[in-house]
């Protein structure tokens, strides 16, 4: 008897979560809320963004001046010149730039970040290991009771 209201509550909460996720995905970004046009948007119509804050990233193809090739999904990706880069960069590195678009394919950088390819894989690996660790701790302290459709603490644990 107790399992029915809990199961119903679980279904209601799962449906509410699914509806909120879909609803959040359909919302348009608010430019005043920290969303900057990215490389694909900027590359499609660069003159429309002159004087505006932009976020572009790409592979460094030149160092004097610094030039990045923005991957926009076309056969001929655009090359943008980046001014006021902090530190030194080398050809082939990934560079993320937050700055202001200027005429002539120039972005005046306010902030630049070098992104190494291994960083993404490291983040995925650490997240996977952490998830497995949390799952193992949960399964060691709790068991699923099929008759009542709930998780209950295992005997002899402090869960």
N, C-alpha and C. Protein backbone atom coordinates (compact mmCIF):
# COMPACT_ATOMS: atom_id res chain seq x y z
N UNK A 1 0.81 -1.19 0.00
CA UNK A 1 0.00 0.00 0.00
C UNK A 1 0.86 1.26 0.00
N UNK A 2 1.93 1.24 0.76
CA UNK A 2 2.78 2.43 0.84
C UNK A 2 3.49 2.67 -0.49
N UNK A 3 3.75 1.62 -1.23
CA UNK A 3 4.50 1.75 -2.47
C UNK A 3 3.73 2.54 -3.53
N UNK A 4 2.41 2.44 -3.56
CA UNK A 4 1.62 3.12 -4.59
C UNK A 4 1.74 4.64 -4.53
N UNK A 5 1.55 5.29 -3.38
CA UNK A 5 1.71 6.75 -3.35
C UNK A 5 3.14 7.19 -3.68
N UNK A 6 4.11 6.42 -3.23
CA UNK A 6 5.50 6.76 -3.54
C UNK A 6 5.77 6.63 -5.03
N UNK A 7 5.26 5.58 -5.61
CA UNK A 7 5.46 5.39 -7.05
C UNK A 7 4.77 6.49 -7.84
N UNK A 8 3.58 6.86 -7.41
CA UNK A 8 2.85 7.95 -8.07
C UNK A 8 3.62 9.27 -7.92
N UNK A 9 4.13 9.53 -6.73
CA UNK A 9 4.91 10.75 -6.51
C UNK A 9 6.18 10.74 -7.37
N UNK A 10 6.82 9.60 -7.48
CA UNK A 10 8.02 9.48 -8.31
C UNK A 10 7.69 9.77 -9.77
N UNK A 11 6.58 9.24 -10.26
CA UNK A 11 6.17 9.48 -11.65
C UNK A 11 5.87 10.96 -11.88
N UNK A 12 5.18 11.59 -10.94
CA UNK A 12 4.86 13.01 -11.07
C UNK A 12 6.14 13.84 -11.10
N UNK A 13 7.06 13.55 -10.20
CA UNK A 13 8.33 14.29 -10.16
C UNK A 13 9.17 14.06 -11.42
N UNK A 14 9.19 12.83 -11.92
CA UNK A 14 9.93 12.54 -13.15
C UNK A 14 9.34 13.29 -14.34
N UNK A 15 8.01 13.34 -14.42
CA UNK A 15 7.36 14.08 -15.51
C UNK A 15 7.63 15.58 -15.38
N UNK A 16 7.60 16.09 -14.16
CA UNK A 16 7.89 17.51 -13.96
C UNK A 16 9.32 17.83 -14.35
N UNK A 17 10.25 16.97 -13.99
CA UNK A 17 11.65 17.17 -14.38
C UNK A 17 11.81 17.14 -15.89
N UNK A 18 11.19 16.18 -16.55
CA UNK A 18 11.28 16.10 -18.01
C UNK A 18 10.69 17.35 -18.65
N UNK A 19 9.56 17.82 -18.14
CA UNK A 19 8.95 19.04 -18.68
C UNK A 19 9.83 20.26 -18.49
N UNK A 20 10.46 20.37 -17.33
CA UNK A 20 11.35 21.51 -17.08
C UNK A 20 12.59 21.47 -17.97
N UNK A 21 13.12 20.28 -18.20
CA UNK A 21 14.29 20.16 -19.08
C UNK A 21 13.93 20.57 -20.50
N UNK A 22 12.81 20.10 -21.00
CA UNK A 22 12.36 20.46 -22.35
C UNK A 22 12.08 21.96 -22.40
N UNK A 23 11.42 22.48 -21.38
CA UNK A 23 11.12 23.92 -21.35
C UNK A 23 12.37 24.77 -21.34
N UNK A 24 13.38 24.37 -20.57
CA UNK A 24 14.63 25.13 -20.52
C UNK A 24 15.34 25.07 -21.86
N UNK A 25 15.21 23.97 -22.57
CA UNK A 25 15.87 23.84 -23.87
C UNK A 25 15.23 24.69 -24.96
N UNK A 26 13.99 25.08 -24.76
CA UNK A 26 13.31 25.87 -25.79
C UNK A 26 13.43 27.37 -25.55
N UNK A 27 14.02 27.76 -24.43
CA UNK A 27 14.15 29.17 -24.12
C UNK A 27 15.24 29.82 -24.96
N UNK A 28 15.00 31.01 -25.43
CA UNK A 28 16.00 31.75 -26.20
C UNK A 28 17.03 32.32 -25.23
N UNK A 29 18.31 32.37 -25.64
CA UNK A 29 19.32 32.94 -24.75
C UNK A 29 19.11 34.43 -24.55
N UNK A 30 19.41 34.88 -23.37
CA UNK A 30 19.30 36.29 -23.02
C UNK A 30 20.68 36.91 -23.12
N UNK A 31 20.90 37.77 -24.12
CA UNK A 31 22.22 38.34 -24.33
C UNK A 31 22.70 39.16 -23.15
N UNK A 32 21.80 39.71 -22.39
CA UNK A 32 22.21 40.49 -21.24
C UNK A 32 22.58 39.61 -20.06
N UNK A 33 22.43 38.32 -20.21
CA UNK A 33 22.68 37.38 -19.13
C UNK A 33 23.98 36.60 -19.33
N UNK A 34 24.97 37.20 -20.00
CA UNK A 34 26.27 36.57 -20.14
C UNK A 34 26.47 35.74 -21.39
N UNK A 35 25.51 35.70 -22.30
CA UNK A 35 25.70 34.95 -23.54
C UNK A 35 26.36 35.85 -24.57
N UNK A 36 27.49 35.41 -25.05
CA UNK A 36 28.18 36.15 -26.10
C UNK A 36 28.09 35.35 -27.39
N UNK A 37 28.01 36.03 -28.53
CA UNK A 37 28.00 35.29 -29.80
C UNK A 37 29.27 34.44 -29.90
N UNK A 38 29.11 33.19 -30.36
CA UNK A 38 30.29 32.33 -30.47
C UNK A 38 30.90 32.41 -31.86
N UNK A 39 31.90 31.60 -32.10
CA UNK A 39 32.65 31.65 -33.36
C UNK A 39 31.80 31.40 -34.59
N UNK A 40 30.85 30.48 -34.50
CA UNK A 40 30.00 30.16 -35.65
C UNK A 40 29.11 31.35 -35.99
N UNK A 41 28.51 31.97 -34.97
CA UNK A 41 27.65 33.13 -35.20
C UNK A 41 28.45 34.31 -35.74
N UNK A 42 29.61 34.54 -35.16
CA UNK A 42 30.44 35.67 -35.56
C UNK A 42 30.97 35.46 -36.97
N UNK A 43 31.42 34.25 -37.28
CA UNK A 43 31.98 33.97 -38.61
C UNK A 43 30.92 34.11 -39.70
N UNK A 44 29.67 33.80 -39.39
CA UNK A 44 28.61 33.87 -40.39
C UNK A 44 28.35 35.31 -40.84
N UNK A 45 28.47 36.27 -39.92
CA UNK A 45 28.20 37.66 -40.27
C UNK A 45 29.03 38.58 -39.37
N UNK A 46 30.35 38.60 -39.61
CA UNK A 46 31.27 39.35 -38.75
C UNK A 46 30.94 40.84 -38.66
N UNK A 47 30.63 41.52 -39.77
CA UNK A 47 30.34 42.96 -39.67
C UNK A 47 29.16 43.30 -38.75
N UNK A 48 28.23 42.37 -38.57
CA UNK A 48 27.08 42.64 -37.70
C UNK A 48 27.48 42.74 -36.23
N UNK A 49 28.66 42.24 -35.88
CA UNK A 49 29.09 42.21 -34.49
C UNK A 49 30.16 43.25 -34.16
N UNK A 50 30.46 44.16 -35.08
CA UNK A 50 31.47 45.19 -34.82
C UNK A 50 31.10 45.98 -33.57
N UNK A 51 32.07 46.11 -32.67
CA UNK A 51 31.86 46.86 -31.44
C UNK A 51 31.19 46.07 -30.33
N UNK A 52 30.81 44.82 -30.58
CA UNK A 52 30.14 44.01 -29.57
C UNK A 52 31.10 43.01 -28.95
N UNK A 53 30.76 42.57 -27.75
CA UNK A 53 31.54 41.53 -27.09
C UNK A 53 31.25 40.19 -27.74
N UNK A 54 32.30 39.42 -28.01
CA UNK A 54 32.17 38.12 -28.66
C UNK A 54 33.06 37.11 -27.94
N UNK A 55 32.75 35.85 -28.17
CA UNK A 55 33.57 34.75 -27.68
C UNK A 55 33.88 33.86 -28.88
N UNK A 56 35.14 33.78 -29.25
CA UNK A 56 35.54 32.95 -30.38
C UNK A 56 36.66 32.03 -29.93
N UNK A 57 36.72 30.89 -30.55
CA UNK A 57 37.82 29.97 -30.27
C UNK A 57 38.21 29.30 -31.57
N UNK A 58 39.46 28.92 -31.63
CA UNK A 58 39.95 28.28 -32.83
C UNK A 58 41.40 27.89 -32.69
N UNK A 59 41.94 27.36 -33.78
CA UNK A 59 43.32 26.91 -33.81
C UNK A 59 44.22 28.05 -34.26
N UNK A 60 45.31 28.25 -33.54
CA UNK A 60 46.26 29.31 -33.89
C UNK A 60 46.96 28.93 -35.20
N UNK A 61 46.87 29.84 -36.20
CA UNK A 61 47.51 29.60 -37.50
C UNK A 61 48.60 30.63 -37.78
N UNK A 62 48.74 31.63 -36.93
CA UNK A 62 49.78 32.64 -37.08
C UNK A 62 50.07 33.27 -35.74
N UNK A 63 51.33 33.74 -35.56
CA UNK A 63 51.69 34.29 -34.26
C UNK A 63 52.10 35.76 -34.30
N UNK A 64 52.32 36.34 -35.48
CA UNK A 64 52.72 37.75 -35.54
C UNK A 64 52.03 38.43 -36.71
N UNK A 65 50.84 38.94 -36.55
CA UNK A 65 50.00 38.95 -35.35
C UNK A 65 49.33 37.60 -35.14
N UNK A 66 48.77 37.43 -33.96
CA UNK A 66 48.09 36.17 -33.64
C UNK A 66 46.84 36.05 -34.50
N UNK A 67 46.72 34.92 -35.17
CA UNK A 67 45.56 34.66 -36.02
C UNK A 67 45.02 33.27 -35.67
N UNK A 68 43.70 33.18 -35.58
CA UNK A 68 43.07 31.89 -35.29
C UNK A 68 42.10 31.53 -36.41
N UNK A 69 42.03 30.24 -36.68
CA UNK A 69 41.10 29.71 -37.67
C UNK A 69 39.88 29.20 -36.90
N UNK A 70 38.73 29.82 -37.16
CA UNK A 70 37.50 29.48 -36.44
C UNK A 70 36.79 28.36 -37.19
N UNK A 71 36.56 27.25 -36.51
CA UNK A 71 35.85 26.12 -37.13
C UNK A 71 34.36 26.43 -37.16
N UNK A 72 33.87 26.76 -38.34
CA UNK A 72 32.44 27.09 -38.48
C UNK A 72 31.69 26.04 -39.28
N UNK A 73 32.33 24.91 -39.54
CA UNK A 73 31.67 23.82 -40.24
C UNK A 73 31.69 23.93 -41.75
N UNK A 74 32.40 24.92 -42.30
CA UNK A 74 32.49 25.07 -43.75
C UNK A 74 33.83 24.55 -44.24
N UNK A 75 33.97 24.47 -45.56
CA UNK A 75 35.23 24.00 -46.15
C UNK A 75 36.35 25.02 -46.00
N UNK A 76 35.98 26.30 -45.93
CA UNK A 76 36.98 27.37 -45.79
C UNK A 76 36.69 28.17 -44.53
N UNK A 77 37.22 27.70 -43.38
CA UNK A 77 36.95 28.41 -42.14
C UNK A 77 37.60 29.80 -42.14
N UNK A 78 36.93 30.78 -41.56
CA UNK A 78 37.49 32.14 -41.53
C UNK A 78 38.67 32.24 -40.57
N UNK A 79 39.56 33.16 -40.88
CA UNK A 79 40.71 33.43 -40.03
C UNK A 79 40.53 34.82 -39.43
N UNK A 80 40.59 34.90 -38.11
CA UNK A 80 40.44 36.17 -37.41
C UNK A 80 41.76 36.56 -36.76
N UNK A 81 42.06 37.84 -36.78
CA UNK A 81 43.25 38.35 -36.12
C UNK A 81 42.88 38.73 -34.69
N UNK A 82 43.73 38.35 -33.75
CA UNK A 82 43.48 38.62 -32.34
C UNK A 82 44.56 39.57 -31.83
N UNK A 83 44.14 40.67 -31.28
CA UNK A 83 45.07 41.65 -30.73
C UNK A 83 45.03 41.60 -29.21
N UNK A 84 46.11 42.02 -28.59
CA UNK A 84 46.30 42.06 -27.14
C UNK A 84 46.15 40.69 -26.49
N UNK A 85 46.89 39.71 -27.00
CA UNK A 85 46.89 38.37 -26.44
C UNK A 85 47.86 38.34 -25.26
N UNK A 86 47.40 37.83 -24.13
CA UNK A 86 48.27 37.68 -22.96
C UNK A 86 49.17 36.47 -23.15
N UNK A 87 50.46 36.64 -22.97
CA UNK A 87 51.39 35.52 -23.07
C UNK A 87 51.72 35.17 -24.51
N UNK A 88 52.43 34.08 -24.65
CA UNK A 88 52.82 33.64 -25.99
C UNK A 88 52.00 32.43 -26.41
N UNK A 89 51.79 32.35 -27.70
CA UNK A 89 51.05 31.22 -28.27
C UNK A 89 51.88 30.62 -29.39
N UNK A 90 51.59 29.38 -29.72
CA UNK A 90 52.29 28.69 -30.80
C UNK A 90 51.28 28.19 -31.81
N UNK A 91 51.73 28.05 -33.04
CA UNK A 91 50.86 27.54 -34.10
C UNK A 91 50.39 26.13 -33.72
N UNK A 92 49.09 25.89 -33.89
CA UNK A 92 48.51 24.59 -33.58
C UNK A 92 47.80 24.52 -32.25
N UNK A 93 48.03 25.50 -31.37
CA UNK A 93 47.34 25.51 -30.09
C UNK A 93 45.91 25.97 -30.27
N UNK A 94 45.04 25.56 -29.32
CA UNK A 94 43.66 26.02 -29.31
C UNK A 94 43.59 27.25 -28.42
N UNK A 95 42.97 28.32 -28.92
CA UNK A 95 42.88 29.57 -28.19
C UNK A 95 41.43 30.00 -28.10
N UNK A 96 40.99 30.31 -26.88
CA UNK A 96 39.64 30.84 -26.67
C UNK A 96 39.79 32.31 -26.33
N UNK A 97 39.02 33.17 -27.02
CA UNK A 97 39.18 34.61 -26.89
C UNK A 97 37.85 35.24 -26.50
N UNK A 98 37.86 36.06 -25.47
CA UNK A 98 36.73 36.89 -25.09
C UNK A 98 37.16 38.32 -25.39
N UNK A 99 36.43 39.00 -26.26
CA UNK A 99 36.85 40.34 -26.62
C UNK A 99 35.80 41.09 -27.41
N UNK A 100 36.27 42.12 -28.12
CA UNK A 100 35.39 42.99 -28.89
C UNK A 100 35.72 42.87 -30.37
N UNK A 101 34.70 42.68 -31.19
CA UNK A 101 34.89 42.56 -32.64
C UNK A 101 35.15 43.94 -33.23
N UNK A 102 36.13 44.03 -34.10
CA UNK A 102 36.49 45.27 -34.79
C UNK A 102 36.49 45.01 -36.29
N UNK A 103 36.38 46.06 -37.10
CA UNK A 103 36.39 45.88 -38.55
C UNK A 103 37.67 45.19 -39.03
N UNK A 104 37.55 44.51 -40.14
CA UNK A 104 38.70 43.85 -40.75
C UNK A 104 39.01 42.49 -40.19
N UNK A 105 38.05 41.83 -39.54
CA UNK A 105 38.29 40.49 -39.00
C UNK A 105 39.20 40.50 -37.78
N UNK A 106 39.13 41.57 -37.00
CA UNK A 106 39.98 41.72 -35.81
C UNK A 106 39.13 41.59 -34.55
N UNK A 107 39.66 40.85 -33.59
CA UNK A 107 39.05 40.75 -32.27
C UNK A 107 40.07 41.28 -31.27
N UNK A 108 39.70 42.34 -30.54
CA UNK A 108 40.57 42.88 -29.50
C UNK A 108 40.25 42.12 -28.21
N UNK A 109 41.22 41.34 -27.75
CA UNK A 109 40.99 40.42 -26.64
C UNK A 109 40.96 41.14 -25.30
N UNK A 110 39.96 40.83 -24.51
CA UNK A 110 39.92 41.22 -23.10
C UNK A 110 40.50 40.11 -22.24
N UNK A 111 40.29 38.87 -22.68
CA UNK A 111 40.76 37.70 -21.95
C UNK A 111 41.02 36.59 -22.96
N UNK A 112 42.14 35.89 -22.80
CA UNK A 112 42.45 34.75 -23.67
C UNK A 112 42.78 33.54 -22.79
N UNK A 113 42.41 32.37 -23.29
CA UNK A 113 42.66 31.13 -22.57
C UNK A 113 43.20 30.12 -23.57
N UNK A 114 44.37 29.54 -23.26
CA UNK A 114 44.89 28.45 -24.07
C UNK A 114 44.24 27.15 -23.59
N UNK A 115 43.72 26.39 -24.52
CA UNK A 115 43.02 25.15 -24.19
C UNK A 115 43.81 23.99 -24.77
N UNK A 116 44.27 23.11 -23.88
CA UNK A 116 45.00 21.92 -24.33
C UNK A 116 44.01 20.81 -24.62
N UNK A 117 44.29 19.98 -25.64
CA UNK A 117 43.34 18.92 -25.99
C UNK A 117 43.12 17.91 -24.85
N UNK A 118 44.13 17.66 -24.04
CA UNK A 118 43.98 16.67 -22.98
C UNK A 118 43.05 17.13 -21.87
N UNK A 119 42.78 18.41 -21.74
CA UNK A 119 41.96 18.92 -20.64
C UNK A 119 40.53 18.37 -20.68
N UNK A 120 39.97 18.27 -21.86
CA UNK A 120 38.61 17.74 -21.99
C UNK A 120 38.56 16.28 -21.58
N UNK A 121 39.52 15.49 -22.05
CA UNK A 121 39.55 14.07 -21.71
C UNK A 121 39.80 13.87 -20.22
N UNK A 122 40.62 14.73 -19.63
CA UNK A 122 40.87 14.66 -18.19
C UNK A 122 39.58 14.92 -17.41
N UNK A 123 38.83 15.94 -17.82
CA UNK A 123 37.57 16.26 -17.14
C UNK A 123 36.59 15.09 -17.26
N UNK A 124 36.51 14.48 -18.44
CA UNK A 124 35.62 13.33 -18.61
C UNK A 124 36.06 12.16 -17.72
N UNK A 125 37.36 11.88 -17.68
CA UNK A 125 37.87 10.76 -16.89
C UNK A 125 37.61 10.98 -15.40
N UNK A 126 37.89 12.17 -14.91
CA UNK A 126 37.66 12.46 -13.49
C UNK A 126 36.18 12.36 -13.16
N UNK A 127 35.32 12.86 -14.03
CA UNK A 127 33.88 12.77 -13.79
C UNK A 127 33.40 11.32 -13.78
N UNK A 128 33.93 10.51 -14.68
CA UNK A 128 33.54 9.10 -14.73
C UNK A 128 33.98 8.38 -13.46
N UNK A 129 35.22 8.59 -13.05
CA UNK A 129 35.73 7.94 -11.83
C UNK A 129 34.92 8.39 -10.62
N UNK A 130 34.60 9.68 -10.53
CA UNK A 130 33.80 10.18 -9.41
C UNK A 130 32.41 9.56 -9.42
N UNK A 131 31.80 9.42 -10.59
CA UNK A 131 30.48 8.81 -10.69
C UNK A 131 30.49 7.35 -10.26
N UNK A 132 31.51 6.61 -10.68
CA UNK A 132 31.62 5.21 -10.28
C UNK A 132 31.83 5.11 -8.77
N UNK A 133 32.65 6.01 -8.23
CA UNK A 133 32.90 6.01 -6.79
C UNK A 133 31.61 6.27 -6.01
N UNK A 134 30.83 7.26 -6.41
CA UNK A 134 29.58 7.57 -5.73
C UNK A 134 28.60 6.41 -5.86
N UNK A 135 28.50 5.82 -7.04
CA UNK A 135 27.61 4.68 -7.24
C UNK A 135 28.02 3.50 -6.35
N UNK A 136 29.33 3.23 -6.26
CA UNK A 136 29.81 2.13 -5.42
C UNK A 136 29.50 2.39 -3.95
N UNK A 137 29.70 3.62 -3.50
CA UNK A 137 29.38 3.95 -2.09
C UNK A 137 27.89 3.79 -1.82
N UNK A 138 27.07 4.21 -2.79
CA UNK A 138 25.62 4.07 -2.62
C UNK A 138 25.22 2.60 -2.54
N UNK A 139 25.73 1.80 -3.47
CA UNK A 139 25.35 0.39 -3.52
C UNK A 139 25.88 -0.40 -2.32
N UNK A 140 27.00 0.04 -1.73
CA UNK A 140 27.51 -0.64 -0.54
C UNK A 140 26.67 -0.34 0.69
N UNK A 141 26.02 0.80 0.72
CA UNK A 141 25.25 1.19 1.91
C UNK A 141 23.75 0.97 1.79
N UNK A 142 23.27 0.76 0.58
CA UNK A 142 21.83 0.64 0.38
C UNK A 142 21.52 -0.56 -0.51
N UNK A 143 20.31 -1.06 -0.37
CA UNK A 143 19.84 -2.14 -1.26
C UNK A 143 18.41 -1.81 -1.67
N UNK A 144 17.99 -2.37 -2.82
CA UNK A 144 16.64 -2.11 -3.33
C UNK A 144 15.70 -3.18 -2.82
N UNK A 145 14.66 -2.75 -2.18
CA UNK A 145 13.64 -3.66 -1.66
C UNK A 145 12.51 -3.73 -2.69
N UNK A 146 12.40 -4.86 -3.40
CA UNK A 146 11.41 -4.98 -4.47
C UNK A 146 9.97 -5.00 -3.96
N UNK A 147 9.74 -5.54 -2.80
CA UNK A 147 8.36 -5.65 -2.31
C UNK A 147 7.76 -4.28 -2.01
N UNK A 148 8.60 -3.31 -1.58
CA UNK A 148 8.09 -1.97 -1.28
C UNK A 148 8.56 -0.94 -2.29
N UNK A 149 9.34 -1.35 -3.28
CA UNK A 149 9.87 -0.47 -4.32
C UNK A 149 10.59 0.75 -3.73
N UNK A 150 11.54 0.46 -2.85
CA UNK A 150 12.30 1.55 -2.25
C UNK A 150 13.70 1.07 -1.89
N UNK A 151 14.60 2.03 -1.72
CA UNK A 151 15.95 1.72 -1.26
C UNK A 151 15.94 1.75 0.27
N UNK A 152 16.56 0.75 0.86
CA UNK A 152 16.64 0.68 2.32
C UNK A 152 18.10 0.46 2.70
N UNK A 153 18.49 0.95 3.90
CA UNK A 153 19.87 0.76 4.33
C UNK A 153 20.19 -0.74 4.51
N UNK A 154 21.41 -1.09 4.16
CA UNK A 154 21.84 -2.46 4.38
C UNK A 154 22.07 -2.67 5.89
N UNK A 155 21.92 -3.89 6.33
CA UNK A 155 22.14 -4.19 7.74
C UNK A 155 23.62 -3.99 8.05
N UNK A 156 23.90 -3.39 9.21
CA UNK A 156 25.28 -3.22 9.63
C UNK A 156 25.96 -2.00 9.07
N UNK A 157 25.21 -1.08 8.44
CA UNK A 157 25.80 0.16 7.93
C UNK A 157 25.18 1.34 8.65
N UNK A 158 25.84 2.46 8.58
CA UNK A 158 25.35 3.69 9.22
C UNK A 158 24.61 4.58 8.25
N UNK A 159 24.16 4.07 7.11
CA UNK A 159 23.50 4.89 6.10
C UNK A 159 22.24 5.40 6.56
